[in-house]
C-alpha atoms as a PDB file:
ATOM      1  CA  UNK A   1      77.768  82.268 140.592  1.00  0.00           C
ATOM      2  CA  UNK A   2      80.920  79.841 139.699  1.00  0.00           C
ATOM      3  CA  UNK A   3      79.985  80.188 136.068  1.00  0.00           C
ATOM      4  CA  UNK A   4      79.580  83.626 135.993  1.00  0.00           C
ATOM      5  CA  UNK A   5      83.095  84.108 137.435  1.00  0.00           C
ATOM      6  CA  UNK A   6      84.022  81.259 135.205  1.00  0.00           C
ATOM      7  CA  UNK A   7      82.502  83.040 132.083  1.00  0.00           C
ATOM      8  CA  UNK A   8      84.295  86.352 132.985  1.00  0.00           C
ATOM      9  CA  UNK A   9      87.477  84.604 133.319  1.00  0.00           C
ATOM     10  CA  UNK A  10      87.235  82.571 130.392  1.00  0.00           C
ATOM     11  CA  UNK A  11      86.043  86.555 128.329  1.00  0.00           C
ATOM     12  CA  UNK A  12      89.157  88.300 130.261  1.00  0.00           C
ATOM     13  CA  UNK A  13      91.134  85.561 128.789  1.00  0.00           C
ATOM     14  CA  UNK A  14      94.018  86.170 125.987  1.00  0.00           C
ATOM     15  CA  UNK A  15      93.085  83.202 124.804  1.00  0.00           C
ATOM     16  CA  UNK A  16      89.486  84.302 124.220  1.00  0.00           C
ATOM     17  CA  UNK A  17      89.138  85.584 120.715  1.00  0.00           C
ATOM     18  CA  UNK A  18      86.761  88.094 118.892  1.00  0.00           C
ATOM     19  CA  UNK A  19      86.171  87.870 115.103  1.00  0.00           C
ATOM     20  CA  UNK A  20      84.612  90.502 112.581  1.00  0.00           C
ATOM     21  CA  UNK A  21      84.219  91.417 108.802  1.00  0.00           C
ATOM     22  CA  UNK A  22      84.802  95.089 107.556  1.00  0.00           C
ATOM     23  CA  UNK A  23      85.867  97.096 104.156  1.00  0.00           C
ATOM     24  CA  UNK A  24      88.345  99.190 103.939  1.00  0.00           C
ATOM     25  CA  UNK A  25      91.291 101.492 102.452  1.00  0.00           C
ATOM     26  CA  UNK A  26      94.697 100.414 103.611  1.00  0.00           C
ATOM     27  CA  UNK A  27      96.564 103.189 104.001  1.00  0.00           C
ATOM     28  CA  UNK A  28     100.129 102.234 104.895  1.00  0.00           C
ATOM     29  CA  UNK A  29     102.102  99.027 104.597  1.00  0.00           C
ATOM     30  CA  UNK A  30     105.038  99.232 107.360  1.00  0.00           C
ATOM     31  CA  UNK A  31     107.107  95.505 106.776  1.00  0.00           C
ATOM     32  CA  UNK A  32     109.551  95.871 109.097  1.00  0.00           C
ATOM     33  CA  UNK A  33     106.516  96.732 111.868  1.00  0.00           C
ATOM     34  CA  UNK A  34     104.208  94.020 110.112  1.00  0.00           C
ATOM     35  CA  UNK A  35     101.461  96.171 110.894  1.00  0.00           C
ATOM     36  CA  UNK A  36      98.826  97.202 108.486  1.00  0.00           C
ATOM     37  CA  UNK A  37      96.994 100.691 108.910  1.00  0.00           C
ATOM     38  CA  UNK A  38      93.843 100.441 107.634  1.00  0.00           C
ATOM     39  CA  UNK A  39      91.151 103.121 107.348  1.00  0.00           C
ATOM     40  CA  UNK A  40      88.023 100.699 107.465  1.00  0.00           C
ATOM     41  CA  UNK A  41      84.361 100.615 107.736  1.00  0.00           C
ATOM     42  CA  UNK A  42      82.154  99.385 110.617  1.00  0.00           C
ATOM     43  CA  UNK A  43      83.189  95.667 111.854  1.00  0.00           C
ATOM     44  CA  UNK A  44      80.567  93.612 111.949  1.00  0.00           C
ATOM     45  CA  UNK A  45      80.738  90.133 114.339  1.00  0.00           C
ATOM     46  CA  UNK A  46      81.528  89.814 117.899  1.00  0.00           C
ATOM     47  CA  UNK A  47      83.674  93.171 117.152  1.00  0.00           C
ATOM     48  CA  UNK A  48      81.125  94.993 116.143  1.00  0.00           C
ATOM     49  CA  UNK A  49      83.059  98.576 115.937  1.00  0.00           C
ATOM     50  CA  UNK A  50      82.455 101.549 114.375  1.00  0.00           C
ATOM     51  CA  UNK A  51      84.440 102.965 111.439  1.00  0.00           C
ATOM     52  CA  UNK A  52      87.477 104.784 111.831  1.00  0.00           C
ATOM     53  CA  UNK A  53      91.212 104.507 110.951  1.00  0.00           C
ATOM     54  CA  UNK A  54      93.339 101.516 113.115  1.00  0.00           C
ATOM     55  CA  UNK A  55      96.818  99.972 112.775  1.00  0.00           C
ATOM     56  CA  UNK A  56      96.810  95.980 112.774  1.00  0.00           C
ATOM     57  CA  UNK A  57      99.448  93.600 113.138  1.00  0.00           C
ATOM     58  CA  UNK A  58      99.181  90.822 110.541  1.00  0.00           C
ATOM     59  CA  UNK A  59      98.858  87.418 111.460  1.00  0.00           C
ATOM     60  CA  UNK A  60      99.982  86.016 107.614  1.00  0.00           C
ATOM     61  CA  UNK A  61     102.976  88.318 106.500  1.00  0.00           C
ATOM     62  CA  UNK A  62     102.672  87.581 103.263  1.00  0.00           C
ATOM     63  CA  UNK A  63     100.039  90.260 103.228  1.00  0.00           C
ATOM     64  CA  UNK A  64     102.029  92.664 103.901  1.00  0.00           C
ATOM     65  CA  UNK A  65     103.659  92.160 100.417  1.00  0.00           C
ATOM     66  CA  UNK A  66     100.486  91.548  98.655  1.00  0.00           C
ATOM     67  CA  UNK A  67      98.711  94.761  99.961  1.00  0.00           C
ATOM     68  CA  UNK A  68     100.003  98.805  99.689  1.00  0.00           C
ATOM     69  CA  UNK A  69      98.767 101.629 100.458  1.00  0.00           C
ATOM     70  CA  UNK A  70      95.050 102.514  97.661  1.00  0.00           C
ATOM     71  CA  UNK A  71      93.660  98.819  98.014  1.00  0.00           C
ATOM     72  CA  UNK A  72      90.693  98.899  98.388  1.00  0.00           C
ATOM     73  CA  UNK A  73      89.939  95.789 100.603  1.00  0.00           C
ATOM     74  CA  UNK A  74      87.612  93.540 102.620  1.00  0.00           C
ATOM     75  CA  UNK A  75      89.305  92.091 105.563  1.00  0.00           C
ATOM     76  CA  UNK A  76      89.030  89.638 108.832  1.00  0.00           C
ATOM     77  CA  UNK A  77      90.025  91.159 112.004  1.00  0.00           C
ATOM     78  CA  UNK A  78      90.616  89.461 115.023  1.00  0.00           C
ATOM     79  CA  UNK A  79      91.227  90.388 118.370  1.00  0.00           C
ATOM     80  CA  UNK A  80      93.137  87.924 120.402  1.00  0.00           C
ATOM     81  CA  UNK A  81      94.715  89.066 123.905  1.00  0.00           C
ATOM     82  CA  UNK A  82      94.022  92.341 123.690  1.00  0.00           C
ATOM     83  CA  UNK A  83      95.749  92.784 119.808  1.00  0.00           C
ATOM     84  CA  UNK A  84      93.793  93.871 117.006  1.00  0.00           C
ATOM     85  CA  UNK A  85      95.046  91.441 113.841  1.00  0.00           C
ATOM     86  CA  UNK A  86      94.021  91.352 110.014  1.00  0.00           C
ATOM     87  CA  UNK A  87      93.623  87.600 109.611  1.00  0.00           C
ATOM     88  CA  UNK A  88      92.530  87.786 105.946  1.00  0.00           C
ATOM     89  CA  UNK A  89      92.436  90.508 103.449  1.00  0.00           C
ATOM     90  CA  UNK A  90      91.622  90.393  99.667  1.00  0.00           C
ATOM     91  CA  UNK A  91      91.224  93.502  97.252  1.00  0.00           C
ATOM     92  CA  UNK A  92      87.759  94.437  96.838  1.00  0.00           C
ATOM     93  CA  UNK A  93      87.769  95.911  93.130  1.00  0.00           C
END
């Protein structure tokens, strides 16, 4: 029982992070807010999410300079403390 309680605490902890991979199209880059809107396909890995459009924060501010609306990308997504981030993205074609 104590092990289950510990596991549940870890999963609920802001430090617990989940990561996944996806492809998609950049819809908007908001440099002032440090966010990118991405219309993405399914996110594989620990996140296991369906396709949709979402607004993501970025861990690396240089992504805001390198990407623009219309870019097709392969992206690594991180969910940390309830916040979704794009932690890496490279243009795909």
